[in-house]
Protein backbone atom coordinates (compact mmCIF):
# COMPACT_ATOMS: atom_id res chain seq x y z
CA UNK A 1 -157.09 -172.86 -63.92
CA UNK A 2 -157.68 -175.15 -66.87
CA UNK A 3 -156.39 -179.14 -66.22
CA UNK A 4 -153.45 -180.60 -68.67
CA UNK A 5 -154.73 -182.07 -71.65
CA UNK A 6 -155.78 -185.86 -71.45
CA UNK A 7 -152.45 -187.26 -73.15
CA UNK A 8 -152.89 -189.95 -75.63
CA UNK A 9 -152.12 -192.68 -78.35
CA UNK A 10 -152.94 -194.17 -81.53
CA UNK A 11 -152.55 -197.68 -82.83
CA UNK A 12 -154.59 -198.93 -86.17
CA UNK A 13 -155.68 -202.16 -86.61
CA UNK A 14 -157.88 -203.83 -89.53
CA UNK A 15 -160.42 -206.82 -88.97
CA UNK A 16 -162.65 -205.91 -91.74
CA UNK A 17 -165.98 -204.53 -91.57
CA UNK A 18 -164.79 -200.46 -89.73
CA UNK A 19 -168.14 -200.90 -88.31
CA UNK A 20 -168.06 -203.58 -86.25
CA UNK A 21 -164.39 -203.25 -85.23
CA UNK A 22 -165.35 -199.45 -84.24
CA UNK A 23 -168.32 -201.20 -82.61
CA UNK A 24 -165.94 -203.50 -80.64
CA UNK A 25 -162.96 -200.73 -79.53
CA UNK A 26 -165.40 -198.34 -78.31
CA UNK A 27 -167.09 -200.85 -76.30
CA UNK A 28 -162.54 -200.96 -74.31
CA UNK A 29 -162.39 -199.12 -70.89
CA UNK A 30 -159.44 -196.59 -71.64
CA UNK A 31 -160.54 -196.39 -75.63
CA UNK A 32 -161.42 -192.59 -75.54
CA UNK A 33 -162.60 -192.90 -79.31
CA UNK A 34 -162.26 -195.56 -82.73
CA UNK A 35 -162.51 -193.71 -85.73
CA UNK A 36 -163.18 -195.09 -89.79
CA UNK A 37 -160.80 -194.81 -92.04
CA UNK A 38 -158.62 -196.32 -95.25
CA UNK A 39 -155.17 -197.13 -94.81
CA UNK A 40 -152.12 -199.14 -96.77
CA UNK A 41 -152.41 -198.14 -100.29
CA UNK A 42 -151.21 -196.37 -102.92
CA UNK A 43 -154.52 -194.00 -103.49
CA UNK A 44 -154.84 -190.95 -101.52
CA UNK A 45 -158.02 -189.64 -100.42
CA UNK A 46 -160.27 -192.82 -101.55
CA UNK A 47 -163.68 -192.89 -101.49
CA UNK A 48 -165.92 -195.77 -99.88
CA UNK A 49 -166.49 -196.79 -104.20
CA UNK A 50 -163.12 -196.96 -104.80
CA UNK A 51 -162.11 -199.06 -101.36
CA UNK A 52 -165.28 -201.59 -101.97
CA UNK A 53 -163.44 -202.18 -105.75
CA UNK A 54 -160.49 -203.45 -104.08
CA UNK A 55 -158.05 -202.14 -106.46
CA UNK A 56 -156.47 -198.87 -104.69
CA UNK A 57 -154.98 -201.01 -102.40
CA UNK A 58 -156.44 -199.52 -99.35
CA UNK A 59 -158.44 -202.01 -96.73
CA UNK A 60 -160.79 -200.47 -94.14
CA UNK A 61 -159.13 -200.15 -90.81
CA UNK A 62 -159.98 -198.19 -87.56
CA UNK A 63 -157.62 -195.62 -86.24
CA UNK A 64 -157.89 -196.21 -82.35
CA UNK A 65 -157.48 -193.75 -79.56
CA UNK A 66 -156.15 -194.33 -76.46
CA UNK A 67 -155.02 -193.84 -72.60
CA UNK A 68 -152.13 -195.70 -72.34
CA UNK A 69 -152.79 -194.69 -68.37
CA UNK A 70 -155.40 -196.78 -68.58
CA UNK A 71 -155.27 -199.30 -71.48
CA UNK A 72 -151.42 -200.51 -73.05
CA UNK A 73 -150.89 -201.43 -76.59
CA UNK A 74 -149.91 -205.03 -76.19
CA UNK A 75 -154.00 -204.62 -74.18
CA UNK A 76 -155.60 -203.18 -77.39
CA UNK A 77 -153.48 -206.20 -79.36
CA UNK A 78 -155.71 -208.63 -77.33
CA UNK A 79 -158.87 -207.05 -77.84
CA UNK A 80 -157.68 -206.89 -81.17
CA UNK A 81 -157.74 -210.73 -81.37
CA UNK A 82 -160.23 -211.47 -79.69
CA UNK A 83 -163.37 -208.98 -82.46
CA UNK A 84 -161.22 -211.61 -85.49
CA UNK A 85 -160.84 -214.29 -87.53
CA UNK A 86 -156.88 -214.35 -88.14
CA UNK A 87 -156.30 -217.24 -89.56
CA UNK A 88 -158.58 -216.15 -92.61
CA UNK A 89 -156.01 -214.17 -95.80
CA UNK A 90 -159.28 -213.99 -98.16
CA UNK A 91 -161.48 -211.48 -95.74
CA UNK A 92 -163.31 -211.81 -92.89
CA UNK A 93 -166.60 -213.64 -92.35
CA UNK A 94 -169.17 -212.60 -95.63
CA UNK A 95 -167.00 -209.92 -96.03
CA UNK A 96 -164.39 -211.17 -99.15
CA UNK A 97 -161.92 -209.17 -100.41
CA UNK A 98 -157.71 -207.93 -100.35
CA UNK A 99 -160.26 -204.23 -98.69
CA UNK A 100 -161.14 -206.73 -96.18
CA UNK A 101 -157.88 -208.58 -94.85
CA UNK A 102 -156.25 -208.17 -91.18
CA UNK A 103 -153.38 -206.22 -90.08
CA UNK A 104 -151.79 -204.51 -87.59
CA UNK A 105 -150.44 -201.66 -88.45
CA UNK A 106 -147.34 -200.37 -86.28
CA UNK A 107 -145.84 -197.05 -86.62
CA UNK A 108 -142.70 -197.87 -84.22
CA UNK A 109 -140.54 -200.21 -83.99
CA UNK A 110 -141.47 -200.39 -79.98
CA UNK A 111 -144.81 -201.19 -82.13
CA UNK A 112 -144.04 -203.95 -84.43
CA UNK A 113 -142.49 -206.24 -81.63
CA UNK A 114 -145.16 -206.46 -79.97
CA UNK A 115 -147.12 -207.45 -82.34
CA UNK A 116 -144.69 -209.63 -83.69
CA UNK A 117 -144.16 -211.27 -80.14
CA UNK A 118 -147.99 -210.50 -79.55
CA UNK A 119 -149.64 -212.68 -82.93
CA UNK A 120 -146.25 -215.47 -82.06
CA UNK A 121 -147.85 -215.95 -78.71
CA UNK A 122 -151.48 -216.41 -80.07
CA UNK A 123 -150.49 -218.71 -83.03
CA UNK A 124 -148.32 -220.77 -79.80
CA UNK A 125 -151.70 -220.50 -77.67
CA UNK A 126 -154.24 -219.27 -78.45
CA UNK A 127 -157.60 -221.67 -80.13
CA UNK A 128 -156.55 -222.00 -83.75
CA UNK A 129 -156.18 -225.25 -85.89
CA UNK A 130 -155.39 -222.96 -88.76
CA UNK A 131 -152.06 -220.15 -89.03
CA UNK A 132 -152.34 -217.39 -88.24
CA UNK A 133 -151.97 -215.31 -91.48
CA UNK A 134 -152.39 -211.20 -90.36
CA UNK A 135 -150.27 -209.15 -91.05
CA UNK A 136 -147.77 -206.80 -89.35
CA UNK A 137 -146.88 -203.62 -91.35
CA UNK A 138 -145.54 -200.13 -90.78
CA UNK A 139 -148.41 -197.34 -90.79
CA UNK A 140 -148.47 -194.97 -93.96
CA UNK A 141 -151.72 -192.48 -94.89
CA UNK A 142 -154.56 -192.87 -92.69
CA UNK A 143 -157.71 -191.47 -94.11
CA UNK A 144 -160.35 -191.39 -92.80
CA UNK A 145 -164.44 -192.67 -93.98
CA UNK A 146 -167.18 -190.74 -94.99
CA UNK A 147 -168.62 -188.85 -92.37
CA UNK A 148 -171.89 -191.38 -92.66
CA UNK A 149 -169.90 -194.66 -91.66
CA UNK A 150 -168.64 -193.34 -88.72
CA UNK A 151 -170.70 -194.36 -85.58
CA UNK A 152 -172.15 -196.12 -87.42
CA UNK A 153 -173.43 -198.59 -84.85
CA UNK A 154 -175.11 -195.48 -83.12
CA UNK A 155 -176.37 -194.57 -86.31
CA UNK A 156 -178.60 -196.84 -87.83
CA UNK A 157 -178.41 -199.62 -84.58
CA UNK A 158 -181.01 -201.45 -86.15
CA UNK A 159 -179.45 -202.44 -90.01
CA UNK A 160 -175.66 -202.46 -88.38
CA UNK A 161 -177.53 -205.47 -85.86
CA UNK A 162 -178.78 -206.84 -88.85
CA UNK A 163 -175.10 -206.24 -91.73
CA UNK A 164 -173.47 -208.09 -87.90
CA UNK A 165 -175.81 -210.86 -87.38
CA UNK A 166 -175.93 -211.85 -90.79
CA UNK A 167 -171.86 -211.48 -91.45
CA UNK A 168 -171.62 -214.43 -89.66
CA UNK A 169 -168.62 -212.15 -87.01
CA UNK A 170 -169.85 -213.01 -83.26
CA UNK A 171 -171.40 -216.52 -84.17
CA UNK A 172 -167.23 -216.69 -84.52
CA UNK A 173 -166.33 -215.47 -82.27
CA UNK A 174 -168.53 -216.70 -79.94
CA UNK A 175 -167.89 -220.41 -80.91
CA UNK A 176 -163.74 -219.97 -80.73
CA UNK A 177 -163.46 -217.79 -77.40
CA UNK A 178 -166.66 -218.25 -74.75
CA UNK A 179 -166.57 -221.06 -72.48
CA UNK A 180 -168.65 -223.08 -73.12
CA UNK A 181 -170.45 -223.80 -69.66
CA UNK A 182 -171.95 -227.12 -68.68
CA UNK A 183 -175.41 -227.76 -67.86
CA UNK A 184 -176.61 -229.11 -64.87
CA UNK A 185 -177.79 -232.88 -64.76
CA UNK A 186 -181.09 -233.68 -64.99
CA UNK A 187 -180.68 -234.00 -60.80
CA UNK A 188 -179.14 -230.78 -60.30
CA UNK A 189 -182.02 -228.72 -62.79
CA UNK A 190 -185.08 -230.05 -61.01
CA UNK A 191 -183.64 -228.99 -58.05
CA UNK A 192 -182.79 -225.29 -59.28
CA UNK A 193 -186.03 -224.96 -61.47
CA UNK A 194 -189.60 -224.56 -60.24
CA UNK A 195 -191.94 -227.65 -61.25
CA UNK A 196 -193.13 -225.13 -64.37
CA UNK A 197 -189.81 -223.84 -65.56
CA UNK A 198 -188.98 -228.32 -65.60
CA UNK A 199 -192.12 -229.51 -66.91
CA UNK A 200 -190.85 -227.14 -70.59
CA UNK A 201 -187.85 -226.77 -71.19
CA UNK A 202 -187.34 -230.38 -70.27
CA UNK A 203 -190.97 -231.91 -70.97
CA UNK A 204 -191.72 -229.68 -73.47
CA UNK A 205 -194.66 -228.32 -71.47
CA UNK A 206 -196.86 -225.30 -72.23
CA UNK A 207 -197.60 -222.82 -69.49
CA UNK A 208 -200.84 -220.94 -69.23
CA UNK A 209 -202.03 -218.74 -71.39
CA UNK A 210 -202.22 -215.45 -70.13
CA UNK A 211 -201.04 -215.93 -66.64
CA UNK A 212 -197.25 -216.39 -66.69
CA UNK A 213 -194.17 -214.15 -66.16
CA UNK A 214 -193.99 -212.01 -69.05
CA UNK A 215 -196.43 -212.45 -71.95
CA UNK A 216 -197.19 -208.19 -70.14
CA UNK A 217 -194.16 -207.71 -69.21
CA UNK A 218 -193.08 -204.04 -71.06
CA UNK A 219 -189.96 -203.20 -69.28
CA UNK A 220 -186.56 -202.76 -71.57
CA UNK A 221 -184.09 -205.61 -71.70
CA UNK A 222 -183.42 -208.92 -73.12
CA UNK A 223 -184.56 -213.05 -72.74
CA UNK A 224 -181.70 -214.96 -72.18
CA UNK A 225 -182.45 -219.08 -71.88
CA UNK A 226 -183.28 -220.05 -68.13
CA UNK A 227 -180.87 -223.15 -67.47
CA UNK A 228 -177.25 -221.70 -69.72
CA UNK A 229 -177.82 -217.55 -70.30
CA UNK A 230 -178.29 -217.74 -73.75
CA UNK A 231 -179.26 -214.82 -75.13
CA UNK A 232 -182.53 -215.72 -77.19
CA UNK A 233 -185.01 -212.27 -77.31
CA UNK A 234 -185.23 -208.60 -76.63
CA UNK A 235 -188.06 -206.50 -76.37
CA UNK A 236 -187.22 -203.94 -79.04
CA UNK A 237 -188.67 -207.55 -80.97
CA UNK A 238 -191.24 -208.07 -78.44
CA UNK A 239 -195.44 -207.36 -79.32
CA UNK A 240 -198.35 -208.31 -78.00
CA UNK A 241 -200.09 -211.21 -80.25
CA UNK A 242 -202.59 -211.33 -78.63
CA UNK A 243 -201.88 -215.54 -77.01
CA UNK A 244 -201.66 -214.47 -73.67
CA UNK A 245 -197.71 -216.03 -74.34
CA UNK A 246 -194.58 -213.36 -75.12
CA UNK A 247 -194.10 -213.40 -78.92
CA UNK A 248 -191.52 -211.93 -81.09
CA UNK A 249 -190.81 -210.78 -84.27
CA UNK A 250 -187.37 -212.33 -84.79
CA UNK A 251 -184.72 -213.78 -81.88
CA UNK A 252 -181.70 -210.98 -80.59
CA UNK A 253 -178.90 -214.29 -81.33
CA UNK A 254 -179.75 -216.59 -84.38
CA UNK A 255 -177.30 -218.60 -84.05
CA UNK A 256 -178.52 -219.82 -80.17
CA UNK A 257 -181.88 -220.54 -81.70
CA UNK A 258 -182.41 -223.79 -82.75
CA UNK A 259 -185.33 -225.40 -85.04
CA UNK A 260 -187.11 -228.80 -85.39
CA UNK A 261 -190.36 -230.64 -86.65
CA UNK A 262 -192.83 -231.15 -84.22
CA UNK A 263 -195.19 -233.42 -85.37
CA UNK A 264 -197.62 -234.22 -81.81
CA UNK A 265 -201.18 -232.95 -80.88
CA UNK A 266 -202.41 -234.46 -84.55
CA UNK A 267 -200.47 -231.36 -86.23
CA UNK A 268 -197.15 -229.88 -87.79
CA UNK A 269 -195.17 -227.12 -86.03
CA UNK A 270 -192.07 -225.63 -85.90
CA UNK A 271 -190.66 -226.09 -83.30
CA UNK A 272 -187.45 -223.56 -81.02
CA UNK A 273 -185.13 -224.81 -79.20
CA UNK A 274 -182.02 -222.93 -76.97
CA UNK A 275 -178.89 -224.05 -78.84
CA UNK A 276 -177.09 -224.93 -75.82
CA UNK A 277 -178.99 -225.79 -73.00
CA UNK A 278 -181.60 -227.46 -75.15
CA UNK A 279 -184.03 -225.96 -73.53
CA UNK A 280 -187.98 -226.67 -75.27
CA UNK A 281 -188.62 -222.90 -75.53
CA UNK A 282 -191.77 -222.46 -77.54
CA UNK A 283 -192.80 -222.85 -81.48
CA UNK A 284 -192.96 -220.35 -84.36
CA UNK A 285 -195.84 -219.51 -86.60
CA UNK A 286 -195.83 -217.59 -90.37
CA UNK A 287 -198.44 -214.46 -88.34
CA UNK A 288 -196.33 -212.23 -86.77
CA UNK A 289 -195.76 -208.65 -87.39
CA UNK A 290 -195.29 -207.34 -91.58
CA UNK A 291 -191.35 -206.21 -90.82
CA UNK A 292 -190.81 -210.33 -90.32
CA UNK A 293 -194.09 -212.49 -90.51
CA UNK A 294 -192.44 -214.07 -88.31
CA UNK A 295 -194.15 -214.85 -84.13
CA UNK A 296 -192.01 -216.67 -82.45
CA UNK A 297 -194.82 -218.59 -79.51
CA UNK A 298 -192.23 -218.57 -75.96
CA UNK A 299 -192.75 -219.65 -72.84
CA UNK A 300 -192.34 -217.42 -70.04
CA UNK A 301 -191.15 -220.58 -68.01
CA UNK A 302 -188.01 -221.36 -70.23
CA UNK A 303 -187.17 -217.38 -70.26
CA UNK A 304 -184.78 -215.01 -67.97
CA UNK A 305 -185.83 -211.31 -68.03
CA UNK A 306 -182.23 -208.80 -67.75
CA UNK A 307 -183.72 -205.91 -68.10
CA UNK A 308 -181.95 -202.78 -69.21
CA UNK A 309 -180.23 -201.26 -66.40
CA UNK A 310 -178.89 -204.68 -64.81
CA UNK A 311 -177.20 -205.86 -68.47
CA UNK A 312 -173.85 -205.25 -67.77
CA UNK A 313 -173.43 -206.23 -63.64
CA UNK A 314 -175.33 -209.08 -65.48
CA UNK A 315 -172.67 -209.65 -68.13
CA UNK A 316 -174.44 -209.37 -71.06
CA UNK A 317 -172.73 -205.73 -71.22
CA UNK A 318 -173.07 -205.97 -75.62
CA UNK A 319 -176.87 -205.29 -75.59
CA UNK A 320 -177.03 -202.03 -74.16
CA UNK A 321 -177.18 -200.34 -77.76
CA UNK A 322 -180.39 -202.30 -78.37
CA UNK A 323 -181.96 -199.47 -75.91
CA UNK A 324 -180.22 -195.99 -77.08
CA UNK A 325 -182.00 -193.71 -78.92
CA UNK A 326 -181.33 -194.80 -82.79
CA UNK A 327 -181.43 -191.87 -85.95
CA UNK A 328 -181.64 -193.38 -89.85
CA UNK A 329 -178.28 -193.73 -91.67
CA UNK A 330 -176.98 -193.95 -95.16
CA UNK A 331 -174.89 -197.60 -94.65
CA UNK A 332 -174.09 -200.69 -96.84
CA UNK A 333 -176.34 -201.95 -99.17
């Protein structure tokens, strides 16, 4: 017997760059697909270039197709609020202009009431000090964006991540929504860390080359701060520098890295520390691979490695797509 078709519903949200919104919604259990597109304006079948000009009245938006038996419209609104800055009326993060403004587009009176109630609750209990200005608007025609925009975060992961990191979106969301973990006091750290880990992270020490845990680790995964768990580096950027220490061409999350001038040892170097835990990690040098010209020379003792297959279990599921097959595709310039 043929299976009965699954009943689905749709919801439309505008949250700035539709690449990012599509990626964020498609990670949610109960969401079947998110389609990038344009809505809110008067020009039929607009092109990306027309929308970018800001003269069509359209915004970049996503149509979310979801299973109402697994997730409610109200829960989708919660996801939406936690992935935007609802207090910004001029765009979102690095993307400025009316075409990047935020909005919830409703199809029914029930959706309108749910969205208004959710917005009111956010304004009353959320973390924002400025007014919530996201509009609640009736949905008109929704026009799917060009094919190269669909699933862009899968088609050209490297460029997508470069854009997303540079836009400031993730830094903002982390600062606003993620609960800051308390750093243990010195006595507790002495108990938790090995003598070498403590010497490196709290006393700016250096471990022996070629005799440390990760210098020749070739597994796929990410490296986090051993004290705070802050994501710092990825195996996708790791290379063999021949120095005997783990070396990376770039940070995974630049916002989690702090660079300071180090004048010790009668020389001037650039020290690398983790932002939240203030752990000494190592140094960065300008003799790295051609892609960046940088070599982040990091102590294994300051890091904890999360293998690819353990990312979800360890709470780092957002980085799973780092290790999927990538293909080059036309993208945002």
